[in-house]
């Protein structure tokens, strides 16, 4: 089944990165819907390493603010929600439940390079699903780097196995506040069929 053009436009063709949002709350129930949809995307061995912290409260924003690059402070503090997309560096401990077909946990134990590459790759992939899910459910997104990972990890993940990957501001974008669509590479420039 192919999605209709309106759905494709909503999640891809007409979607933009927003830096300004309406003063309109995003409910916790909607945030749960976004996660519940995003978690259905495929990851290797169903490892699901993405973890998310939804920064909404004034207290949480105060913790986040000093970790941001100067150009990201105002837009992030004004956004209704900032999702910290992170990866659990002990994701493999859940594999007996998530991938019971074999002993996948043993693939990772004691192999830090394999853990790091698998966690980063698959959490990044899940972060992309997260953005698509948010757009599909009516939210606008402002994904970004531009923060100090070490400071953020210390502020939000001290004493845990979670590591920050990237941030996504969420809300209802202000009409006309995004940049014009930038060019994309053509199929011929970016792809080969062999």
C-alpha atoms as a PDB file:
ATOM      1  CA  UNK A   1       0.000   0.000   0.000  1.00  0.00           C
ATOM      2  CA  UNK A   2       1.277   3.461  -0.920  1.00  0.00           C
ATOM      3  CA  UNK A   3       0.523   6.444   1.284  1.00  0.00           C
ATOM      4  CA  UNK A   4      -1.566   9.143  -0.337  1.00  0.00           C
ATOM      5  CA  UNK A   5       0.052  12.403  -1.453  1.00  0.00           C
ATOM      6  CA  UNK A   6      -1.260  14.333   1.537  1.00  0.00           C
ATOM      7  CA  UNK A   7       0.466  11.943   3.945  1.00  0.00           C
ATOM      8  CA  UNK A   8       3.723  12.089   1.985  1.00  0.00           C
ATOM      9  CA  UNK A   9       3.553  15.881   1.937  1.00  0.00           C
ATOM     10  CA  UNK A  10       2.929  15.995   5.706  1.00  0.00           C
ATOM     11  CA  UNK A  11       5.934  13.901   6.665  1.00  0.00           C
ATOM     12  CA  UNK A  12       8.346  14.802   3.855  1.00  0.00           C
ATOM     13  CA  UNK A  13       7.568  17.199   1.006  1.00  0.00           C
ATOM     14  CA  UNK A  14       5.965  20.077   2.927  1.00  0.00           C
ATOM     15  CA  UNK A  15       7.633  19.500   6.292  1.00  0.00           C
ATOM     16  CA  UNK A  16      10.277  21.981   7.430  1.00  0.00           C
ATOM     17  CA  UNK A  17      12.660  22.401  10.322  1.00  0.00           C
ATOM     18  CA  UNK A  18      11.047  24.940  12.641  1.00  0.00           C
ATOM     19  CA  UNK A  19      12.861  27.304  14.978  1.00  0.00           C
ATOM     20  CA  UNK A  20       9.748  29.122  16.248  1.00  0.00           C
ATOM     21  CA  UNK A  21       6.647  27.527  17.705  1.00  0.00           C
ATOM     22  CA  UNK A  22       3.175  28.661  18.687  1.00  0.00           C
ATOM     23  CA  UNK A  23       2.541  29.149  22.395  1.00  0.00           C
ATOM     24  CA  UNK A  24       0.554  25.930  22.517  1.00  0.00           C
ATOM     25  CA  UNK A  25       1.211  23.036  24.863  1.00  0.00           C
ATOM     26  CA  UNK A  26       2.063  19.543  23.674  1.00  0.00           C
ATOM     27  CA  UNK A  27       0.350  16.928  25.812  1.00  0.00           C
ATOM     28  CA  UNK A  28       2.169  14.055  27.468  1.00  0.00           C
ATOM     29  CA  UNK A  29      -0.340  11.730  25.813  1.00  0.00           C
ATOM     30  CA  UNK A  30       0.742  12.972  22.374  1.00  0.00           C
ATOM     31  CA  UNK A  31       4.409  12.526  23.277  1.00  0.00           C
ATOM     32  CA  UNK A  32       3.634   8.934  24.228  1.00  0.00           C
ATOM     33  CA  UNK A  33       1.885   8.431  20.878  1.00  0.00           C
ATOM     34  CA  UNK A  34       4.982   9.736  19.088  1.00  0.00           C
ATOM     35  CA  UNK A  35       7.222   7.287  20.944  1.00  0.00           C
ATOM     36  CA  UNK A  36       4.812   4.383  20.500  1.00  0.00           C
ATOM     37  CA  UNK A  37       4.773   4.954  16.748  1.00  0.00           C
ATOM     38  CA  UNK A  38       8.521   5.550  16.416  1.00  0.00           C
ATOM     39  CA  UNK A  39       9.438   2.390  18.337  1.00  0.00           C
ATOM     40  CA  UNK A  40       7.848   0.286  15.597  1.00  0.00           C
ATOM     41  CA  UNK A  41      10.601   1.144  13.078  1.00  0.00           C
ATOM     42  CA  UNK A  42      13.218  -1.562  12.447  1.00  0.00           C
ATOM     43  CA  UNK A  43      16.554  -1.755  14.241  1.00  0.00           C
ATOM     44  CA  UNK A  44      19.229  -4.434  14.022  1.00  0.00           C
ATOM     45  CA  UNK A  45      18.181  -7.472  16.064  1.00  0.00           C
ATOM     46  CA  UNK A  46      15.324  -5.321  17.403  1.00  0.00           C
ATOM     47  CA  UNK A  47      17.894  -3.746  19.740  1.00  0.00           C
ATOM     48  CA  UNK A  48      15.916  -0.493  20.266  1.00  0.00           C
ATOM     49  CA  UNK A  49      18.699   1.531  21.943  1.00  0.00           C
ATOM     50  CA  UNK A  50      16.972   4.933  21.677  1.00  0.00           C
ATOM     51  CA  UNK A  51      15.967   6.569  24.925  1.00  0.00           C
ATOM     52  CA  UNK A  52      14.122   9.900  25.093  1.00  0.00           C
ATOM     53  CA  UNK A  53      13.884  12.602  27.716  1.00  0.00           C
ATOM     54  CA  UNK A  54      11.106  15.107  27.030  1.00  0.00           C
ATOM     55  CA  UNK A  55      12.242  18.436  28.471  1.00  0.00           C
ATOM     56  CA  UNK A  56       9.092  20.450  29.266  1.00  0.00           C
ATOM     57  CA  UNK A  57       9.270  21.930  32.751  1.00  0.00           C
ATOM     58  CA  UNK A  58      11.019  25.179  33.658  1.00  0.00           C
ATOM     59  CA  UNK A  59      13.325  23.196  35.943  1.00  0.00           C
ATOM     60  CA  UNK A  60      14.337  20.773  33.173  1.00  0.00           C
ATOM     61  CA  UNK A  61      14.835  23.636  30.703  1.00  0.00           C
ATOM     62  CA  UNK A  62      17.097  25.361  33.244  1.00  0.00           C
ATOM     63  CA  UNK A  63      19.253  22.195  33.308  1.00  0.00           C
ATOM     64  CA  UNK A  64      19.320  22.029  29.518  1.00  0.00           C
ATOM     65  CA  UNK A  65      20.072  25.713  28.833  1.00  0.00           C
ATOM     66  CA  UNK A  66      23.790  25.781  29.815  1.00  0.00           C
ATOM     67  CA  UNK A  67      24.496  22.774  27.581  1.00  0.00           C
ATOM     68  CA  UNK A  68      23.277  24.544  24.417  1.00  0.00           C
ATOM     69  CA  UNK A  69      25.330  26.512  21.904  1.00  0.00           C
ATOM     70  CA  UNK A  70      24.396  30.188  21.974  1.00  0.00           C
ATOM     71  CA  UNK A  71      22.445  30.060  18.705  1.00  0.00           C
ATOM     72  CA  UNK A  72      20.185  27.297  20.010  1.00  0.00           C
ATOM     73  CA  UNK A  73      19.281  28.780  23.406  1.00  0.00           C
ATOM     74  CA  UNK A  74      16.365  31.076  22.601  1.00  0.00           C
ATOM     75  CA  UNK A  75      14.564  28.727  20.219  1.00  0.00           C
ATOM     76  CA  UNK A  76      14.949  25.753  22.554  1.00  0.00           C
ATOM     77  CA  UNK A  77      13.831  27.622  25.661  1.00  0.00           C
ATOM     78  CA  UNK A  78      10.760  28.892  23.754  1.00  0.00           C
ATOM     79  CA  UNK A  79       9.815  25.496  22.280  1.00  0.00           C
ATOM     80  CA  UNK A  80       7.021  23.678  24.131  1.00  0.00           C
ATOM     81  CA  UNK A  81       9.173  20.523  24.321  1.00  0.00           C
ATOM     82  CA  UNK A  82      12.759  19.571  23.594  1.00  0.00           C
ATOM     83  CA  UNK A  83      13.287  15.844  23.141  1.00  0.00           C
ATOM     84  CA  UNK A  84      16.747  14.601  24.033  1.00  0.00           C
ATOM     85  CA  UNK A  85      17.385  11.622  21.773  1.00  0.00           C
ATOM     86  CA  UNK A  86      19.857   9.366  23.526  1.00  0.00           C
ATOM     87  CA  UNK A  87      21.170   5.823  23.350  1.00  0.00           C
ATOM     88  CA  UNK A  88      21.367   3.278  26.124  1.00  0.00           C
ATOM     89  CA  UNK A  89      24.889   1.853  26.072  1.00  0.00           C
ATOM     90  CA  UNK A  90      23.579  -1.296  27.779  1.00  0.00           C
ATOM     91  CA  UNK A  91      20.749  -1.820  25.263  1.00  0.00           C
ATOM     92  CA  UNK A  92      21.917  -5.427  24.823  1.00  0.00           C
ATOM     93  CA  UNK A  93      20.668  -6.321  28.319  1.00  0.00           C
ATOM     94  CA  UNK A  94      17.132  -6.159  26.874  1.00  0.00           C
ATOM     95  CA  UNK A  95      17.880  -8.469  23.945  1.00  0.00           C
ATOM     96  CA  UNK A  96      16.723 -11.669  25.678  1.00  0.00           C
ATOM     97  CA  UNK A  97      13.234 -10.096  25.671  1.00  0.00           C
ATOM     98  CA  UNK A  98      13.435  -8.044  22.476  1.00  0.00           C
ATOM     99  CA  UNK A  99      15.142 -10.669  20.295  1.00  0.00           C
ATOM    100  CA  UNK A 100      14.463 -14.074  21.920  1.00  0.00           C
ATOM    101  CA  UNK A 101      15.234 -16.070  18.762  1.00  0.00           C
ATOM    102  CA  UNK A 102      18.897 -16.438  19.777  1.00  0.00           C
ATOM    103  CA  UNK A 103      21.387 -15.335  22.417  1.00  0.00           C
ATOM    104  CA  UNK A 104      21.969 -11.903  20.847  1.00  0.00           C
ATOM    105  CA  UNK A 105      23.127 -10.459  24.176  1.00  0.00           C
ATOM    106  CA  UNK A 106      26.358 -12.482  23.867  1.00  0.00           C
ATOM    107  CA  UNK A 107      27.160 -10.675  20.604  1.00  0.00           C
ATOM    108  CA  UNK A 108      27.830  -7.484  22.579  1.00  0.00           C
ATOM    109  CA  UNK A 109      29.060  -8.313  26.085  1.00  0.00           C
ATOM    110  CA  UNK A 110      32.660  -7.162  26.468  1.00  0.00           C
ATOM    111  CA  UNK A 111      32.799  -5.614  22.968  1.00  0.00           C
ATOM    112  CA  UNK A 112      32.750  -1.823  23.523  1.00  0.00           C
ATOM    113  CA  UNK A 113      33.410  -0.851  19.896  1.00  0.00           C
ATOM    114  CA  UNK A 114      30.541  -3.017  18.665  1.00  0.00           C
ATOM    115  CA  UNK A 115      28.286  -1.701  21.433  1.00  0.00           C
ATOM    116  CA  UNK A 116      29.135   1.919  20.564  1.00  0.00           C
ATOM    117  CA  UNK A 117      28.631   1.582  16.824  1.00  0.00           C
ATOM    118  CA  UNK A 118      25.404  -0.410  17.184  1.00  0.00           C
ATOM    119  CA  UNK A 119      23.940   1.932  19.813  1.00  0.00           C
ATOM    120  CA  UNK A 120      24.792   5.089  17.857  1.00  0.00           C
ATOM    121  CA  UNK A 121      23.652   3.785  14.467  1.00  0.00           C
ATOM    122  CA  UNK A 122      20.363   2.370  15.655  1.00  0.00           C
ATOM    123  CA  UNK A 123      19.477   5.221  18.043  1.00  0.00           C
ATOM    124  CA  UNK A 124      20.133   7.651  15.175  1.00  0.00           C
ATOM    125  CA  UNK A 125      17.865   5.558  12.977  1.00  0.00           C
ATOM    126  CA  UNK A 126      15.195   5.561  15.678  1.00  0.00           C
ATOM    127  CA  UNK A 127      15.611   9.322  16.025  1.00  0.00           C
ATOM    128  CA  UNK A 128      14.695   9.675  12.358  1.00  0.00           C
ATOM    129  CA  UNK A 129      11.630   7.492  12.926  1.00  0.00           C
ATOM    130  CA  UNK A 130      10.818   9.752  15.884  1.00  0.00           C
ATOM    131  CA  UNK A 131      10.802  12.853  13.659  1.00  0.00           C
ATOM    132  CA  UNK A 132       8.623  11.132  11.052  1.00  0.00           C
ATOM    133  CA  UNK A 133       6.228   9.925  13.768  1.00  0.00           C
ATOM    134  CA  UNK A 134       5.989  13.421  15.279  1.00  0.00           C
ATOM    135  CA  UNK A 135       5.207  14.931  11.888  1.00  0.00           C
ATOM    136  CA  UNK A 136       2.674  12.208  11.117  1.00  0.00           C
ATOM    137  CA  UNK A 137       0.884  13.039  14.390  1.00  0.00           C
ATOM    138  CA  UNK A 138       0.675  16.774  13.660  1.00  0.00           C
ATOM    139  CA  UNK A 139       3.780  18.127  15.387  1.00  0.00           C
ATOM    140  CA  UNK A 140       6.512  20.218  13.834  1.00  0.00           C
ATOM    141  CA  UNK A 141      10.151  19.497  14.581  1.00  0.00           C
ATOM    142  CA  UNK A 142      13.412  21.351  14.978  1.00  0.00           C
ATOM    143  CA  UNK A 143      16.146  18.692  15.089  1.00  0.00           C
ATOM    144  CA  UNK A 144      19.628  19.906  15.953  1.00  0.00           C
ATOM    145  CA  UNK A 145      23.093  19.244  17.209  1.00  0.00           C
ATOM    146  CA  UNK A 146      24.705  22.353  18.646  1.00  0.00           C
ATOM    147  CA  UNK A 147      25.074  21.350  22.278  1.00  0.00           C
ATOM    148  CA  UNK A 148      27.763  20.016  24.574  1.00  0.00           C
ATOM    149  CA  UNK A 149      27.171  16.266  24.848  1.00  0.00           C
ATOM    150  CA  UNK A 150      29.350  15.854  27.930  1.00  0.00           C
ATOM    151  CA  UNK A 151      27.603  18.670  29.824  1.00  0.00           C
ATOM    152  CA  UNK A 152      24.173  17.396  28.822  1.00  0.00           C
ATOM    153  CA  UNK A 153      25.027  13.836  29.819  1.00  0.00           C
ATOM    154  CA  UNK A 154      26.273  15.080  33.172  1.00  0.00           C
ATOM    155  CA  UNK A 155      23.099  17.118  33.728  1.00  0.00           C
ATOM    156  CA  UNK A 156      20.580  14.478  32.654  1.00  0.00           C
ATOM    157  CA  UNK A 157      22.254  11.050  32.591  1.00  0.00           C
ATOM    158  CA  UNK A 158      24.811  10.994  35.421  1.00  0.00           C
ATOM    159  CA  UNK A 159      24.990   7.525  36.925  1.00  0.00           C
ATOM    160  CA  UNK A 160      23.219   5.912  33.960  1.00  0.00           C
ATOM    161  CA  UNK A 161      24.300   4.163  30.769  1.00  0.00           C
ATOM    162  CA  UNK A 162      22.542   6.708  28.552  1.00  0.00           C
ATOM    163  CA  UNK A 163      24.452   9.025  26.190  1.00  0.00           C
ATOM    164  CA  UNK A 164      22.996  11.956  24.265  1.00  0.00           C
ATOM    165  CA  UNK A 165      22.808  11.820  20.479  1.00  0.00           C
ATOM    166  CA  UNK A 166      20.812  14.858  19.250  1.00  0.00           C
ATOM    167  CA  UNK A 167      17.929  17.157  20.188  1.00  0.00           C
ATOM    168  CA  UNK A 168      14.512  17.729  18.633  1.00  0.00           C
ATOM    169  CA  UNK A 169      12.416  20.761  19.522  1.00  0.00           C
ATOM    170  CA  UNK A 170       8.725  19.882  19.237  1.00  0.00           C
ATOM    171  CA  UNK A 171       5.554  21.903  18.966  1.00  0.00           C
ATOM    172  CA  UNK A 172       3.294  23.617  16.476  1.00  0.00           C
ATOM    173  CA  UNK A 173       5.455  25.677  14.145  1.00  0.00           C
ATOM    174  CA  UNK A 174       4.694  29.346  13.547  1.00  0.00           C
ATOM    175  CA  UNK A 175       3.564  29.774   9.951  1.00  0.00           C
ATOM    176  CA  UNK A 176       6.222  31.386   7.804  1.00  0.00           C
ATOM    177  CA  UNK A 177       8.924  31.166  10.467  1.00  0.00           C
ATOM    178  CA  UNK A 178      11.002  28.507   8.728  1.00  0.00           C
ATOM    179  CA  UNK A 179      13.640  29.046   6.091  1.00  0.00           C
ATOM    180  CA  UNK A 180      12.757  28.417   2.442  1.00  0.00           C
ATOM    181  CA  UNK A 181      13.360  24.844   1.290  1.00  0.00           C
ATOM    182  CA  UNK A 182      17.053  24.333   0.616  1.00  0.00           C
ATOM    183  CA  UNK A 183      18.159  22.282  -2.392  1.00  0.00           C
ATOM    184  CA  UNK A 184      18.488  18.526  -2.258  1.00  0.00           C
ATOM    185  CA  UNK A 185      20.833  16.337  -4.267  1.00  0.00           C
ATOM    186  CA  UNK A 186      19.276  14.653  -7.274  1.00  0.00           C
ATOM    187  CA  UNK A 187      19.028  10.894  -7.629  1.00  0.00           C
ATOM    188  CA  UNK A 188      21.887  11.019 -10.172  1.00  0.00           C
ATOM    189  CA  UNK A 189      24.110  12.963  -7.771  1.00  0.00           C
ATOM    190  CA  UNK A 190      23.495  10.798  -4.730  1.00  0.00           C
ATOM    191  CA  UNK A 191      22.706   7.301  -5.986  1.00  0.00           C
ATOM    192  CA  UNK A 192      24.042   4.463  -8.111  1.00  0.00           C
ATOM    193  CA  UNK A 193      22.196   1.402  -9.311  1.00  0.00           C
ATOM    194  CA  UNK A 194      24.577  -1.502  -9.892  1.00  0.00           C
END
